Amino acid sequence: LGGLGGMGGPPDMGQMSAMLQNPALRSMMTQMMSSPGFLDSMAAHNPMLRQMMDANPGMREMMSNPALLEQMMRPETLQAMQSMNSMLAGNPALAAMMGGGAGAGGMGG
């Protein structure tokens, strides 16, 4: 997936949404994210994630919350994130006010 872990450009929200409709993938992601060791491993290999987790101690708890993960995987949530990212990319002043560049503070761009 592009945009995740420094593996390319911004993620294609349509492609991501289609992938997240797969029940097996959703189950696997939920199991991985609920494992404390998984988040530690991701943070160890991704400096940006480590920095975000260090700056916001509540982020680890949020990423371990199955209900929140389920909400984030919903197509309508992904679409809202894509819309916000597009809006910010088209308005650098607004993006700067929200604390990020045109990539919405690291939300995929």
N, C-alpha and C. Protein backbone atom coordinates (compact mmCIF):
# COMPACT_ATOMS: atom_id res chain seq x y z
N LEU A 1 0.84 -1.18 0.00
CA LEU A 1 0.00 0.00 0.00
C LEU A 1 0.88 1.23 0.00
N GLY A 2 0.73 2.06 -0.98
CA GLY A 2 1.50 3.28 -1.05
C GLY A 2 1.14 4.19 0.11
N GLY A 3 2.13 4.94 0.58
CA GLY A 3 1.87 5.89 1.65
C GLY A 3 1.91 5.29 3.03
N LEU A 4 2.07 3.97 3.13
CA LEU A 4 2.13 3.33 4.43
C LEU A 4 3.54 2.84 4.65
N GLY A 5 4.17 3.32 5.69
CA GLY A 5 5.51 2.88 6.01
C GLY A 5 6.55 3.34 5.02
N GLY A 6 6.30 4.43 4.33
CA GLY A 6 7.26 4.95 3.38
C GLY A 6 7.38 4.11 2.13
N MET A 7 6.32 3.40 1.76
CA MET A 7 6.38 2.50 0.62
C MET A 7 5.80 3.10 -0.64
N GLY A 8 5.95 4.38 -0.86
CA GLY A 8 5.46 4.95 -2.10
C GLY A 8 4.65 6.18 -1.85
N GLY A 9 3.85 6.55 -2.85
CA GLY A 9 3.05 7.76 -2.78
C GLY A 9 1.80 7.58 -1.95
N PRO A 10 0.88 8.53 -2.09
CA PRO A 10 -0.35 8.45 -1.29
C PRO A 10 -1.16 7.21 -1.63
N PRO A 11 -1.83 6.66 -0.62
CA PRO A 11 -2.62 5.45 -0.90
C PRO A 11 -3.82 5.78 -1.77
N ASP A 12 -4.20 4.84 -2.59
CA ASP A 12 -5.42 4.96 -3.39
C ASP A 12 -6.56 4.49 -2.50
N MET A 13 -7.39 5.43 -2.06
CA MET A 13 -8.44 5.09 -1.09
C MET A 13 -9.45 4.10 -1.68
N GLY A 14 -9.69 4.14 -2.98
CA GLY A 14 -10.59 3.18 -3.61
C GLY A 14 -10.03 1.78 -3.52
N GLN A 15 -8.76 1.65 -3.81
CA GLN A 15 -8.09 0.35 -3.74
C GLN A 15 -8.06 -0.13 -2.29
N MET A 16 -7.75 0.78 -1.36
CA MET A 16 -7.69 0.41 0.04
C MET A 16 -9.07 -0.03 0.52
N SER A 17 -10.10 0.69 0.13
CA SER A 17 -11.46 0.35 0.53
C SER A 17 -11.84 -1.04 0.02
N ALA A 18 -11.48 -1.33 -1.24
CA ALA A 18 -11.78 -2.63 -1.82
C ALA A 18 -11.07 -3.74 -1.05
N MET A 19 -9.81 -3.51 -0.69
CA MET A 19 -9.06 -4.51 0.07
C MET A 19 -9.69 -4.74 1.44
N LEU A 20 -10.15 -3.66 2.07
CA LEU A 20 -10.70 -3.77 3.42
C LEU A 20 -12.09 -4.40 3.44
N GLN A 21 -12.67 -4.60 2.28
CA GLN A 21 -13.95 -5.29 2.22
C GLN A 21 -13.76 -6.81 2.36
N ASN A 22 -12.52 -7.26 2.22
CA ASN A 22 -12.21 -8.68 2.35
C ASN A 22 -12.23 -9.05 3.83
N PRO A 23 -13.19 -9.91 4.23
CA PRO A 23 -13.30 -10.26 5.66
C PRO A 23 -12.04 -10.88 6.23
N ALA A 24 -11.33 -11.67 5.45
CA ALA A 24 -10.11 -12.30 5.96
C ALA A 24 -9.04 -11.25 6.25
N LEU A 25 -8.90 -10.27 5.36
CA LEU A 25 -7.92 -9.21 5.57
C LEU A 25 -8.30 -8.35 6.78
N ARG A 26 -9.57 -8.04 6.90
CA ARG A 26 -10.03 -7.24 8.05
C ARG A 26 -9.74 -7.96 9.36
N SER A 27 -10.02 -9.25 9.38
CA SER A 27 -9.78 -10.04 10.59
C SER A 27 -8.28 -10.08 10.92
N MET A 28 -7.46 -10.29 9.89
CA MET A 28 -6.02 -10.35 10.10
C MET A 28 -5.51 -9.01 10.63
N MET A 29 -5.96 -7.91 10.05
CA MET A 29 -5.52 -6.59 10.49
C MET A 29 -5.93 -6.33 11.94
N THR A 30 -7.14 -6.68 12.29
CA THR A 30 -7.62 -6.48 13.65
C THR A 30 -6.79 -7.29 14.64
N GLN A 31 -6.49 -8.55 14.29
CA GLN A 31 -5.68 -9.39 15.17
C GLN A 31 -4.27 -8.82 15.32
N MET A 32 -3.67 -8.37 14.21
CA MET A 32 -2.32 -7.82 14.28
C MET A 32 -2.29 -6.56 15.13
N MET A 33 -3.24 -5.66 14.90
CA MET A 33 -3.22 -4.39 15.61
C MET A 33 -3.54 -4.55 17.09
N SER A 34 -4.22 -5.63 17.46
CA SER A 34 -4.53 -5.83 18.88
C SER A 34 -3.39 -6.51 19.62
N SER A 35 -2.34 -6.89 18.90
CA SER A 35 -1.17 -7.50 19.51
C SER A 35 -0.19 -6.40 19.93
N PRO A 36 0.14 -6.29 21.21
CA PRO A 36 1.06 -5.24 21.66
C PRO A 36 2.42 -5.30 20.96
N GLY A 37 2.91 -6.49 20.70
CA GLY A 37 4.19 -6.64 20.04
C GLY A 37 4.19 -6.14 18.61
N PHE A 38 3.05 -6.22 17.95
CA PHE A 38 2.96 -5.78 16.56
C PHE A 38 3.18 -4.27 16.46
N LEU A 39 2.53 -3.50 17.32
CA LEU A 39 2.71 -2.04 17.29
C LEU A 39 4.15 -1.66 17.60
N ASP A 40 4.77 -2.35 18.56
CA ASP A 40 6.16 -2.07 18.89
C ASP A 40 7.06 -2.36 17.70
N SER A 41 6.80 -3.46 17.01
CA SER A 41 7.59 -3.81 15.84
C SER A 41 7.42 -2.79 14.72
N MET A 42 6.17 -2.36 14.49
CA MET A 42 5.93 -1.35 13.46
C MET A 42 6.66 -0.05 13.81
N ALA A 43 6.59 0.36 15.06
CA ALA A 43 7.25 1.60 15.48
C ALA A 43 8.76 1.49 15.36
N ALA A 44 9.30 0.31 15.62
CA ALA A 44 10.75 0.11 15.53
C ALA A 44 11.24 0.23 14.09
N HIS A 45 10.39 -0.12 13.13
CA HIS A 45 10.78 -0.12 11.73
C HIS A 45 10.29 1.10 10.95
N ASN A 46 9.51 1.95 11.59
CA ASN A 46 8.96 3.11 10.90
C ASN A 46 9.18 4.35 11.77
N PRO A 47 10.23 5.13 11.44
CA PRO A 47 10.55 6.31 12.26
C PRO A 47 9.40 7.31 12.37
N MET A 48 8.62 7.48 11.30
CA MET A 48 7.51 8.42 11.35
C MET A 48 6.45 7.95 12.35
N LEU A 49 6.12 6.67 12.32
CA LEU A 49 5.15 6.13 13.27
C LEU A 49 5.69 6.23 14.69
N ARG A 50 6.96 5.91 14.87
CA ARG A 50 7.56 6.00 16.21
C ARG A 50 7.48 7.43 16.74
N GLN A 51 7.78 8.41 15.88
CA GLN A 51 7.72 9.81 16.29
C GLN A 51 6.28 10.20 16.66
N MET A 52 5.31 9.76 15.85
CA MET A 52 3.91 10.08 16.15
C MET A 52 3.49 9.45 17.48
N MET A 53 3.91 8.21 17.73
CA MET A 53 3.52 7.54 18.97
C MET A 53 4.21 8.16 20.18
N ASP A 54 5.46 8.61 19.99
CA ASP A 54 6.17 9.28 21.10
C ASP A 54 5.54 10.63 21.42
N ALA A 55 5.10 11.34 20.38
CA ALA A 55 4.51 12.66 20.56
C ALA A 55 3.10 12.58 21.14
N ASN A 56 2.41 11.48 20.90
CA ASN A 56 1.04 11.33 21.35
C ASN A 56 0.87 9.97 22.02
N PRO A 57 1.10 9.89 23.33
CA PRO A 57 1.02 8.61 24.03
C PRO A 57 -0.32 7.89 23.87
N GLY A 58 -1.39 8.63 23.66
CA GLY A 58 -2.70 8.01 23.49
C GLY A 58 -2.87 7.31 22.16
N MET A 59 -1.94 7.56 21.23
CA MET A 59 -2.06 6.95 19.90
C MET A 59 -1.94 5.43 19.97
N ARG A 60 -1.05 4.92 20.82
CA ARG A 60 -0.90 3.47 20.96
C ARG A 60 -2.22 2.85 21.41
N GLU A 61 -2.86 3.49 22.38
CA GLU A 61 -4.14 2.99 22.88
C GLU A 61 -5.20 3.02 21.78
N MET A 62 -5.21 4.12 21.02
CA MET A 62 -6.19 4.23 19.93
C MET A 62 -5.95 3.15 18.88
N MET A 63 -4.69 2.88 18.54
CA MET A 63 -4.38 1.89 17.52
C MET A 63 -4.63 0.46 18.01
N SER A 64 -4.79 0.29 19.31
CA SER A 64 -5.08 -1.03 19.87
C SER A 64 -6.56 -1.22 20.15
N ASN A 65 -7.37 -0.24 19.82
CA ASN A 65 -8.81 -0.28 20.09
C ASN A 65 -9.54 -0.92 18.91
N PRO A 66 -10.06 -2.14 19.07
CA PRO A 66 -10.73 -2.83 17.96
C PRO A 66 -11.92 -2.04 17.38
N ALA A 67 -12.67 -1.36 18.23
CA ALA A 67 -13.83 -0.59 17.74
C ALA A 67 -13.37 0.57 16.85
N LEU A 68 -12.29 1.24 17.25
CA LEU A 68 -11.77 2.34 16.45
C LEU A 68 -11.20 1.82 15.13
N LEU A 69 -10.49 0.70 15.19
CA LEU A 69 -9.95 0.11 13.95
C LEU A 69 -11.07 -0.25 12.98
N GLU A 70 -12.14 -0.79 13.52
CA GLU A 70 -13.29 -1.15 12.68
C GLU A 70 -13.86 0.09 12.02
N GLN A 71 -13.98 1.17 12.77
CA GLN A 71 -14.49 2.43 12.23
C GLN A 71 -13.57 2.95 11.13
N MET A 72 -12.27 2.88 11.36
CA MET A 72 -11.31 3.40 10.38
C MET A 72 -11.29 2.59 9.09
N MET A 73 -11.72 1.34 9.16
CA MET A 73 -11.71 0.48 7.96
C MET A 73 -12.99 0.60 7.14
N ARG A 74 -13.96 1.34 7.62
CA ARG A 74 -15.22 1.49 6.89
C ARG A 74 -15.01 2.33 5.64
N PRO A 75 -15.63 1.93 4.54
CA PRO A 75 -15.47 2.69 3.28
C PRO A 75 -15.82 4.17 3.41
N GLU A 76 -16.86 4.49 4.18
CA GLU A 76 -17.25 5.89 4.31
C GLU A 76 -16.19 6.70 5.06
N THR A 77 -15.50 6.07 6.01
CA THR A 77 -14.42 6.75 6.72
C THR A 77 -13.24 6.99 5.78
N LEU A 78 -12.90 5.98 5.00
CA LEU A 78 -11.81 6.13 4.03
C LEU A 78 -12.14 7.22 3.01
N GLN A 79 -13.40 7.27 2.58
CA GLN A 79 -13.81 8.31 1.62
C GLN A 79 -13.70 9.70 2.24
N ALA A 80 -14.10 9.83 3.50
CA ALA A 80 -14.00 11.12 4.17
C ALA A 80 -12.54 11.55 4.32
N MET A 81 -11.65 10.59 4.61
CA MET A 81 -10.23 10.91 4.71
C MET A 81 -9.68 11.35 3.35
N GLN A 82 -10.10 10.67 2.28
CA GLN A 82 -9.65 11.05 0.95
C GLN A 82 -10.15 12.44 0.59
N SER A 83 -11.40 12.73 0.91
CA SER A 83 -11.96 14.06 0.62
C SER A 83 -11.20 15.15 1.37
N MET A 84 -10.91 14.89 2.64
CA MET A 84 -10.17 15.88 3.42
C MET A 84 -8.77 16.07 2.87
N ASN A 85 -8.12 14.98 2.50
CA ASN A 85 -6.79 15.06 1.95
C ASN A 85 -6.79 15.85 0.64
N SER A 86 -7.79 15.61 -0.21
CA SER A 86 -7.89 16.34 -1.47
C SER A 86 -8.13 17.82 -1.22
N MET A 87 -8.99 18.13 -0.25
CA MET A 87 -9.29 19.52 0.07
C MET A 87 -8.03 20.23 0.55
N LEU A 88 -7.27 19.57 1.42
CA LEU A 88 -6.06 20.18 1.94
C LEU A 88 -4.99 20.32 0.86
N ALA A 89 -4.92 19.34 -0.03
CA ALA A 89 -3.93 19.40 -1.11
C ALA A 89 -4.22 20.58 -2.03
N GLY A 90 -5.49 20.93 -2.18
CA GLY A 90 -5.88 22.04 -3.05
C GLY A 90 -5.84 23.39 -2.36
N ASN A 91 -5.57 23.41 -1.04
CA ASN A 91 -5.57 24.65 -0.29
C ASN A 91 -4.42 24.63 0.72
N PRO A 92 -3.20 24.98 0.26
CA PRO A 92 -2.04 24.93 1.17
C PRO A 92 -2.19 25.78 2.43
N ALA A 93 -2.88 26.91 2.32
CA ALA A 93 -3.06 27.76 3.50
C ALA A 93 -3.88 27.03 4.56
N LEU A 94 -4.94 26.35 4.13
CA LEU A 94 -5.76 25.59 5.07
C LEU A 94 -4.96 24.43 5.66
N ALA A 95 -4.18 23.76 4.82
CA ALA A 95 -3.35 22.66 5.31
C ALA A 95 -2.36 23.16 6.36
N ALA A 96 -1.77 24.33 6.13
CA ALA A 96 -0.82 24.89 7.09
C ALA A 96 -1.52 25.23 8.41
N MET A 97 -2.74 25.75 8.33
CA MET A 97 -3.50 26.07 9.55
C MET A 97 -3.79 24.82 10.36
N MET A 98 -3.97 23.70 9.68
CA MET A 98 -4.30 22.45 10.37
C MET A 98 -3.04 21.74 10.84
N GLY A 99 -1.89 22.35 10.61
CA GLY A 99 -0.65 21.79 11.15
C GLY A 99 0.07 20.84 10.23
N GLY A 100 -0.31 20.78 8.97
CA GLY A 100 0.38 19.89 8.04
C GLY A 100 0.64 20.57 6.74
N GLY A 101 1.33 19.87 5.89
CA GLY A 101 1.53 20.35 4.53
C GLY A 101 0.35 19.95 3.68
N ALA A 102 0.54 19.92 2.38
CA ALA A 102 -0.54 19.53 1.47
C ALA A 102 -0.94 18.08 1.67
N GLY A 103 -0.14 17.31 2.38
CA GLY A 103 -0.45 15.90 2.62
C GLY A 103 -1.25 15.66 3.87
N ALA A 104 -1.87 16.65 4.40
CA ALA A 104 -2.75 16.52 5.58
C ALA A 104 -2.02 15.93 6.78
N GLY A 105 -0.82 16.45 7.01
CA GLY A 105 -0.10 16.03 8.20
C GLY A 105 0.27 14.57 8.22
N GLY A 106 0.55 14.00 7.04
CA GLY A 106 0.98 12.63 6.97
C GLY A 106 -0.13 11.63 6.77
N MET A 107 -1.31 12.10 6.40
CA MET A 107 -2.43 11.19 6.22
C MET A 107 -2.41 10.56 4.83
N GLY A 108 -1.28 10.53 4.19
CA GLY A 108 -1.25 9.82 2.93
C GLY A 108 -0.58 10.60 1.84
N GLY A 109 -0.01 11.73 2.08
CA GLY A 109 0.59 12.43 0.98
C GLY A 109 1.84 13.10 1.26
